[in-house]
Amino acid sequence: MASERTVIVFFAGNEVGGAATHLATWAKALKGARVDYRYRFVSLGNGPLADELRQTGMLHGAVAGTVGAIRDLARVLRRERAWILHSHGPRMNMLASFAASSAEAIWTATIHSHPRYDFEGHPLKAALFPSLHLWRLSRARGLFVVQPALGDALPCRTILEVPNAFFPRPPRVSRDVCAAEWRSRLGLNPESRLIGIAARLDPVKQIDVAIAALALLSDLDVHLLVAGDGRDRIRLEAAAEDCGVRHRVHFLGHLQDVRDFYCAIDVHVLPSKSEGAPTSMLEAGYYGAANIGSDVPGIRRMLLDGEAGALVPSGDVQALAHAVRRLLTDTKARDAYVERFQRLVLPRYTPERMVVAYERGYTVLEEDAVRSGWRLPANSEQTR
């Protein structure tokens, strides 16, 4: 099938969080979709995301190592006569940039978060890798971003937007039943109120701000459920202890199925200092939890400048506590946020829109490359 326009999608097999949901959603959406390109998903190593794509039949191979990965990825590009190599994640982007150069393929990447914060919490990596990453991104033909403000931080002339998305699954039971089940599981009073965060435990998420805000709500019987895992867990557990709320903060670890979690909580909070287009907010809104988020570009855009969810200044513990209190005590305000989110926000973030955005973006990159003198891979013909 040498005449097909082939895209190699390169990702880390152990990717988790929003980027993993983005890739899994895209892969599933491609199955049965009418598309102009031929897609081959290739992972670096194994892990949960590689396993998920393997089960859906969308994983076409894996490479390993670092130098070996560059060499093997270049071989895949030549064997498939691929026109485009599309990578996800800082490390994958650096490896892919060299492989694409070796195989003379168009290289692009999807940027899911601000490059400045990708290695926060690792002092040595944070001092070195963001600069290296940006240096390699400057070599891309163009870059996809999940929200436009990320483009301002990128050293690339062509910026293309692609929406995040997810495939919603119907709730298992009602919200009241989910909340009662979680309260019973955690040994809480039947009247306890539940708020939650679904995120990797990473400094950029500022979960410690939510913990400190919870300490200001001592007059309310409210508990914070934290779904996710990561390198910041020990520090966050210590922060909860220091704030005197360790008994009211419940670290649930990674949840394979998040439906019951979102259905159980009244309010979902995301106090991050930077976000792309958070899938957790899409999921929370779909399952009926009102969103509160930091007033940073990615969250502000998703919450429609505060119309579809509450915005608070990043890092402001008092403001977050006030917003949580208001939504827990004002049912009408909470329900209004959920209604507007489901009606105005969710239709903008669908798998179908994601597929169309990528296909349109590839055509832009391809046409720009041809104008610049790029030649099609050997034995390939452009089929338009």
Protein backbone atom coordinates (compact mmCIF):
# COMPACT_ATOMS: atom_id res chain seq x y z
CA MET A 1 0.00 0.00 0.00
CA ALA A 2 2.84 2.31 -0.94
CA SER A 3 0.56 5.01 -2.25
CA GLU A 4 -1.04 5.61 1.17
CA ARG A 5 -0.13 8.60 3.28
CA THR A 6 1.18 6.93 6.42
CA VAL A 7 1.50 8.50 9.88
CA ILE A 8 3.55 6.85 12.61
CA VAL A 9 2.25 7.82 16.06
CA PHE A 10 5.01 7.44 18.68
CA PHE A 11 4.30 7.42 22.42
CA ALA A 12 5.50 6.03 25.74
CA GLY A 13 3.89 2.71 26.57
CA ASN A 14 3.66 3.64 30.25
CA GLU A 15 2.05 7.06 29.64
CA VAL A 16 -0.69 7.95 32.15
CA GLY A 17 -3.00 10.89 32.77
CA GLY A 18 -4.56 13.24 30.26
CA ALA A 19 -2.08 12.52 27.47
CA ALA A 20 -2.81 8.79 27.75
CA THR A 21 -6.57 9.42 27.60
CA HIS A 22 -6.01 11.64 24.55
CA LEU A 23 -4.07 8.93 22.71
CA ALA A 24 -6.42 6.10 23.67
CA THR A 25 -9.45 8.14 22.61
CA TRP A 26 -7.85 9.04 19.30
CA ALA A 27 -6.89 5.43 18.56
CA LYS A 28 -10.42 4.21 19.29
CA ALA A 29 -11.96 7.01 17.24
CA LEU A 30 -9.85 6.05 14.23
CA LYS A 31 -11.33 2.57 14.16
CA GLY A 32 -14.10 2.70 11.59
CA ALA A 33 -13.59 6.41 10.85
CA ARG A 34 -13.25 7.61 7.26
CA VAL A 35 -9.75 9.05 7.11
CA ASP A 36 -7.25 10.09 4.45
CA TYR A 37 -4.19 8.77 6.26
CA ARG A 38 -2.97 5.34 7.31
CA TYR A 39 -2.09 5.21 11.03
CA ARG A 40 0.53 3.06 12.76
CA PHE A 41 0.86 3.41 16.57
CA VAL A 42 4.32 2.53 17.94
CA SER A 43 5.21 2.58 21.64
CA LEU A 44 8.46 3.07 23.49
CA GLY A 45 8.41 0.06 25.79
CA ASN A 46 5.36 -1.43 27.43
CA GLY A 47 2.87 -0.25 30.03
CA PRO A 48 -0.83 0.43 30.59
CA LEU A 49 -1.31 2.59 27.49
CA ALA A 50 0.52 0.15 25.21
CA ASP A 51 -1.62 -2.67 26.64
CA GLU A 52 -4.83 -0.72 26.04
CA LEU A 53 -3.94 0.00 22.42
CA ARG A 54 -2.83 -3.59 21.93
CA GLN A 55 -6.21 -4.83 23.17
CA THR A 56 -8.02 -2.57 20.71
CA GLY A 57 -5.81 -3.74 17.84
CA MET A 58 -4.27 -0.31 17.25
CA LEU A 59 -0.72 -1.00 18.47
CA HIS A 60 1.53 -1.91 15.54
CA GLY A 61 4.88 -2.28 17.24
CA ALA A 62 7.27 -1.20 19.96
CA VAL A 63 10.85 0.01 20.25
CA ALA A 64 13.17 0.10 23.26
CA GLY A 65 16.13 1.99 24.67
CA THR A 66 17.24 5.48 23.68
CA VAL A 67 19.81 5.34 20.90
CA GLY A 68 18.27 2.05 19.82
CA ALA A 69 14.84 3.65 19.75
CA ILE A 70 16.01 6.36 17.35
CA ARG A 71 17.53 3.77 15.03
CA ASP A 72 14.55 1.40 15.18
CA LEU A 73 12.01 4.19 14.78
CA ALA A 74 13.85 5.42 11.67
CA ARG A 75 13.68 1.86 10.33
CA VAL A 76 9.93 1.77 10.92
CA LEU A 77 9.54 5.05 9.04
CA ARG A 78 11.49 3.71 6.06
CA ARG A 79 9.77 0.33 6.06
CA GLU A 80 6.30 1.91 6.16
CA ARG A 81 7.37 4.69 3.76
CA ALA A 82 5.77 7.00 6.31
CA TRP A 83 5.29 10.65 5.45
CA ILE A 84 4.77 11.88 9.00
CA LEU A 85 6.14 10.96 12.42
CA HIS A 86 3.91 12.25 15.22
CA SER A 87 5.17 12.03 18.81
CA HIS A 88 3.67 12.68 22.25
CA GLY A 89 5.61 13.61 25.40
CA PRO A 90 8.92 15.44 25.98
CA ARG A 91 11.19 12.41 25.83
CA MET A 92 9.37 10.93 22.84
CA ASN A 93 9.60 14.27 21.06
CA MET A 94 13.37 14.42 21.45
CA LEU A 95 13.82 10.86 20.19
CA ALA A 96 11.35 11.31 17.33
CA SER A 97 12.98 14.52 16.11
CA PHE A 98 16.24 12.67 15.44
CA ALA A 99 14.54 9.63 13.91
CA ALA A 100 12.47 11.78 11.53
CA SER A 101 15.59 13.67 10.46
CA SER A 102 17.38 10.39 9.74
CA ALA A 103 14.46 9.01 7.71
CA GLU A 104 13.66 12.36 6.03
CA ALA A 105 10.08 12.31 7.29
CA ILE A 106 7.91 15.23 8.40
CA TRP A 107 7.99 15.46 12.17
CA THR A 108 5.27 16.90 14.39
CA ALA A 109 4.18 16.52 18.02
CA THR A 110 1.18 17.19 20.23
CA ILE A 111 1.93 19.46 23.18
CA HIS A 112 -0.30 18.56 26.12
CA SER A 113 1.23 20.84 28.76
CA HIS A 114 3.51 23.84 29.16
CA PRO A 115 7.11 22.66 28.47
CA ARG A 116 8.37 24.73 31.41
CA TYR A 117 6.54 22.51 33.92
CA ASP A 118 7.13 19.07 32.41
CA PHE A 119 9.95 18.19 34.82
CA GLU A 120 8.88 20.15 37.89
CA GLY A 121 9.88 18.37 41.07
CA HIS A 122 13.13 17.07 39.52
CA PRO A 123 15.67 19.91 40.03
CA LEU A 124 18.36 18.50 37.73
CA LYS A 125 15.96 17.53 34.95
CA ALA A 126 14.07 20.81 35.32
CA ALA A 127 17.30 22.73 34.79
CA LEU A 128 18.29 20.81 31.66
CA PHE A 129 15.48 19.08 29.80
CA PRO A 130 13.02 21.94 29.10
CA SER A 131 15.70 23.78 27.12
CA LEU A 132 16.66 20.63 25.22
CA HIS A 133 13.01 19.90 24.53
CA LEU A 134 12.34 23.40 23.19
CA TRP A 135 15.48 23.19 21.03
CA ARG A 136 14.19 20.05 19.36
CA LEU A 137 10.63 21.42 19.05
CA SER A 138 12.07 24.29 17.01
CA ARG A 139 12.90 21.65 14.36
CA ALA A 140 9.28 20.51 13.98
CA ARG A 141 7.41 21.27 10.77
CA GLY A 142 4.49 22.30 12.96
CA LEU A 143 3.04 21.47 16.37
CA PHE A 144 -0.41 20.52 17.61
CA VAL A 145 -1.64 22.04 20.89
CA VAL A 146 -4.67 21.10 22.99
CA GLN A 147 -5.34 24.76 23.71
CA PRO A 148 -4.08 27.87 21.85
CA ALA A 149 -2.21 29.55 24.74
CA LEU A 150 0.34 26.73 24.71
CA GLY A 151 1.43 27.91 21.28
CA ASP A 152 2.78 31.12 22.80
CA ALA A 153 5.50 29.10 24.56
CA LEU A 154 6.58 27.12 21.50
CA PRO A 155 9.43 27.93 19.07
CA CYS A 156 7.46 26.95 16.00
CA ARG A 157 5.84 28.96 13.23
CA THR A 158 2.92 26.61 12.52
CA ILE A 159 0.62 25.92 15.49
CA LEU A 160 -2.41 23.67 15.00
CA GLU A 161 -5.15 23.14 17.57
CA VAL A 162 -6.64 19.74 18.37
CA PRO A 163 -9.31 19.22 21.06
CA ASN A 164 -9.01 16.76 23.89
CA ALA A 165 -11.81 14.21 24.09
CA PHE A 166 -12.92 11.01 25.77
CA PHE A 167 -15.41 8.23 25.17
CA PRO A 168 -18.00 8.52 27.96
CA ARG A 169 -19.38 5.37 29.51
CA PRO A 170 -22.84 5.41 31.09
CA PRO A 171 -22.92 5.78 34.87
CA ARG A 172 -23.08 2.44 36.67
CA VAL A 173 -25.65 3.62 39.21
CA SER A 174 -27.11 6.94 40.36
CA ARG A 175 -25.01 9.71 41.89
CA ASP A 176 -26.67 9.23 45.27
CA VAL A 177 -25.84 5.53 45.28
CA CYS A 178 -22.21 6.18 44.27
CA ALA A 179 -21.77 8.74 47.04
CA ALA A 180 -23.28 6.37 49.61
CA GLU A 181 -21.00 3.53 48.45
CA TRP A 182 -17.87 5.67 48.73
CA ARG A 183 -18.87 6.97 52.17
CA SER A 184 -19.40 3.41 53.34
CA ARG A 185 -16.11 2.25 51.84
CA LEU A 186 -14.20 5.05 53.58
CA GLY A 187 -16.05 4.69 56.88
CA LEU A 188 -17.63 8.16 56.74
CA ASN A 189 -20.86 9.53 58.13
CA PRO A 190 -23.89 9.22 55.82
CA GLU A 191 -24.11 13.04 55.77
CA SER A 192 -20.45 13.64 54.79
CA ARG A 193 -19.94 15.70 51.63
CA LEU A 194 -17.38 14.60 49.03
CA ILE A 195 -15.19 16.72 46.80
CA GLY A 196 -12.44 15.34 44.61
CA ILE A 197 -9.38 15.71 42.41
CA ALA A 198 -8.48 13.31 39.62
CA ALA A 199 -4.88 13.98 38.56
CA ARG A 200 -1.37 12.62 38.64
CA LEU A 201 0.31 13.55 41.92
CA ASP A 202 2.73 16.11 40.54
CA PRO A 203 3.78 19.56 41.84
CA VAL A 204 2.24 21.33 38.83
CA LYS A 205 -1.23 20.18 39.98
CA GLN A 206 -0.87 22.08 43.31
CA ILE A 207 -2.96 19.53 45.19
CA ASP A 208 -1.46 20.91 48.39
CA VAL A 209 -3.52 24.07 47.74
CA ALA A 210 -6.71 21.99 47.85
CA ILE A 211 -5.54 20.31 51.05
CA ALA A 212 -4.89 23.70 52.68
CA ALA A 213 -8.31 24.92 51.49
CA LEU A 214 -9.94 21.90 53.08
CA ALA A 215 -8.41 22.92 56.42
CA LEU A 216 -10.37 26.20 56.19
CA LEU A 217 -13.63 24.26 55.97
CA SER A 218 -13.43 22.71 59.43
CA ASP A 219 -17.06 23.63 60.16
CA LEU A 220 -18.25 21.45 57.26
CA ASP A 221 -18.22 17.65 57.24
CA VAL A 222 -16.43 17.52 53.88
CA HIS A 223 -13.80 15.06 52.66
CA LEU A 224 -11.34 15.31 49.77
CA LEU A 225 -10.91 12.24 47.54
CA VAL A 226 -7.69 12.20 45.50
CA ALA A 227 -7.71 9.80 42.54
CA GLY A 228 -4.31 9.28 40.98
CA ASP A 229 -0.76 8.47 41.88
CA GLY A 230 2.68 9.92 41.36
CA ARG A 231 5.96 11.04 42.84
CA ASP A 232 4.34 13.80 44.96
CA ARG A 233 2.27 11.47 47.14
CA ILE A 234 4.57 11.40 50.20
CA ARG A 235 4.82 15.20 50.24
CA LEU A 236 1.05 15.57 49.91
CA GLU A 237 0.37 13.10 52.70
CA ALA A 238 2.73 15.11 54.91
CA ALA A 239 0.95 18.33 53.90
CA ALA A 240 -2.40 16.83 54.94
CA GLU A 241 -0.87 15.83 58.28
CA ASP A 242 0.59 19.30 58.82
CA CYS A 243 -2.78 20.93 58.06
CA GLY A 244 -4.56 18.66 60.51
CA VAL A 245 -6.82 17.14 57.85
CA ARG A 246 -5.13 13.80 57.17
CA HIS A 247 -8.33 12.01 58.30
CA ARG A 248 -10.31 14.02 55.72
CA VAL A 249 -7.98 13.49 52.73
CA HIS A 250 -8.28 10.08 51.07
CA PHE A 251 -5.61 9.01 48.58
CA LEU A 252 -7.28 6.45 46.35
CA GLY A 253 -4.39 5.69 44.01
CA HIS A 254 -4.92 5.08 40.29
CA LEU A 255 -8.52 4.17 39.43
CA GLN A 256 -9.00 2.12 36.26
CA ASP A 257 -12.69 3.08 36.13
CA VAL A 258 -13.40 6.66 37.27
CA ARG A 259 -17.16 6.71 36.73
CA ASP A 260 -18.12 6.01 40.35
CA PHE A 261 -15.54 8.49 41.61
CA TYR A 262 -16.96 11.38 39.57
CA CYS A 263 -20.54 10.36 40.30
CA ALA A 264 -19.81 10.37 44.04
CA ILE A 265 -18.35 13.87 44.36
CA ASP A 266 -20.33 17.10 44.35
CA VAL A 267 -17.39 19.26 43.30
CA HIS A 268 -14.26 18.53 41.28
CA VAL A 269 -11.33 20.87 41.95
CA LEU A 270 -8.24 21.36 39.81
CA PRO A 271 -5.90 23.97 41.38
CA SER A 272 -3.07 23.49 38.82
CA LYS A 273 -0.57 26.22 37.99
CA SER A 274 -0.72 25.15 34.32
CA GLU A 275 -3.07 22.99 32.24
CA GLY A 276 -3.63 22.15 28.60
CA ALA A 277 -7.24 21.05 28.19
CA PRO A 278 -7.87 18.87 31.25
CA THR A 279 -9.69 15.65 30.48
CA SER A 280 -10.53 15.31 34.17
CA MET A 281 -12.80 18.35 33.89
CA LEU A 282 -14.55 16.88 30.87
CA GLU A 283 -15.14 13.64 32.75
CA ALA A 284 -16.25 15.38 35.95
CA GLY A 285 -18.74 17.57 34.10
CA TYR A 286 -20.12 14.66 32.13
CA TYR A 287 -20.82 12.66 35.30
CA GLY A 288 -22.44 15.61 37.06
CA ALA A 289 -19.78 17.18 39.29
CA ALA A 290 -19.34 20.96 39.23
CA ASN A 291 -15.83 22.12 38.32
CA ILE A 292 -13.63 24.61 40.19
CA GLY A 293 -10.26 25.40 38.64
CA SER A 294 -7.32 27.76 38.73
CA ASP A 295 -7.68 30.82 36.53
CA VAL A 296 -4.99 29.70 34.06
CA PRO A 297 -5.45 29.73 30.26
CA GLY A 298 -6.32 26.05 29.71
CA ILE A 299 -8.88 25.90 32.51
CA ARG A 300 -10.26 29.39 31.84
CA ARG A 301 -10.94 28.43 28.24
CA MET A 302 -12.61 25.13 29.13
CA LEU A 303 -14.82 26.77 31.77
CA LEU A 304 -15.81 29.54 29.33
CA ASP A 305 -14.34 32.34 31.45
CA GLY A 306 -16.26 31.18 34.51
CA GLU A 307 -19.63 30.55 32.85
CA ALA A 308 -19.37 26.75 33.03
CA GLY A 309 -17.43 26.44 36.29
CA ALA A 310 -15.85 28.50 39.05
CA LEU A 311 -12.42 30.11 38.55
CA VAL A 312 -10.05 31.05 41.38
CA PRO A 313 -6.57 32.62 41.31
CA SER A 314 -3.83 29.99 41.08
CA GLY A 315 -2.39 29.21 44.51
CA ASP A 316 -5.05 31.19 46.41
CA VAL A 317 -6.10 28.93 49.28
CA GLN A 318 -8.72 31.35 50.66
CA ALA A 319 -10.41 31.80 47.27
CA LEU A 320 -10.53 28.04 46.66
CA ALA A 321 -12.03 27.39 50.09
CA HIS A 322 -14.65 30.09 49.48
CA ALA A 323 -15.57 28.61 46.07
CA VAL A 324 -15.90 25.10 47.51
CA ARG A 325 -18.05 26.35 50.38
CA ARG A 326 -20.34 28.24 48.00
CA LEU A 327 -20.93 25.26 45.73
CA LEU A 328 -21.47 22.84 48.60
CA THR A 329 -24.06 25.11 50.20
CA ASP A 330 -25.74 26.45 47.04
CA THR A 331 -27.28 23.54 45.14
CA LYS A 332 -28.75 25.78 42.45
CA ALA A 333 -25.38 27.34 41.62
CA ARG A 334 -23.76 23.92 41.49
CA ASP A 335 -26.44 22.49 39.23
CA ALA A 336 -26.30 25.54 36.95
CA TYR A 337 -22.56 25.06 36.39
CA VAL A 338 -23.09 21.38 35.55
CA GLU A 339 -25.94 22.16 33.14
CA ARG A 340 -23.95 24.81 31.27
CA PHE A 341 -20.85 22.59 31.13
CA GLN A 342 -22.78 19.70 29.65
CA ARG A 343 -24.64 21.89 27.17
CA LEU A 344 -21.89 24.29 26.07
CA VAL A 345 -18.53 22.63 26.73
CA LEU A 346 -18.82 18.90 26.11
CA PRO A 347 -19.94 19.24 22.45
CA ARG A 348 -16.64 21.02 21.69
CA TYR A 349 -14.53 18.08 22.86
CA THR A 350 -15.60 14.98 20.94
CA PRO A 351 -13.53 12.15 19.42
CA GLU A 352 -14.90 12.99 15.99
CA ARG A 353 -13.59 16.57 16.26
CA MET A 354 -10.22 15.23 17.34
CA VAL A 355 -9.89 13.00 14.26
CA VAL A 356 -10.90 15.82 11.89
CA ALA A 357 -8.46 18.27 13.52
CA TYR A 358 -5.53 15.90 13.13
CA GLU A 359 -6.34 15.08 9.52
CA ARG A 360 -6.65 18.76 8.61
CA GLY A 361 -3.42 19.53 10.43
CA TYR A 362 -1.48 16.84 8.59
CA THR A 363 -2.60 18.25 5.27
CA VAL A 364 -1.36 21.70 6.29
CA LEU A 365 2.03 20.29 7.32
CA GLU A 366 2.31 18.18 4.21
CA GLU A 367 1.53 21.05 1.85
CA ASP A 368 3.95 23.34 3.67
CA ALA A 369 6.69 20.70 3.43
CA VAL A 370 6.16 20.24 -0.29
CA ARG A 371 6.35 24.00 -0.85
CA SER A 372 9.66 23.96 1.04
CA GLY A 373 11.11 21.31 -1.25
CA TRP A 374 10.38 18.15 0.74
CA ARG A 375 10.07 15.07 -1.45
CA LEU A 376 7.73 12.14 -0.93
CA PRO A 377 9.26 8.90 0.42
CA ALA A 378 10.64 6.57 -2.21
CA ASN A 379 8.01 4.60 -4.16
CA SER A 380 5.22 6.78 -2.80
CA GLU A 381 2.76 8.82 -4.75
CA GLN A 382 0.56 11.57 -3.41
CA THR A 383 -3.05 10.47 -3.65
CA ARG A 384 -5.48 13.35 -3.47
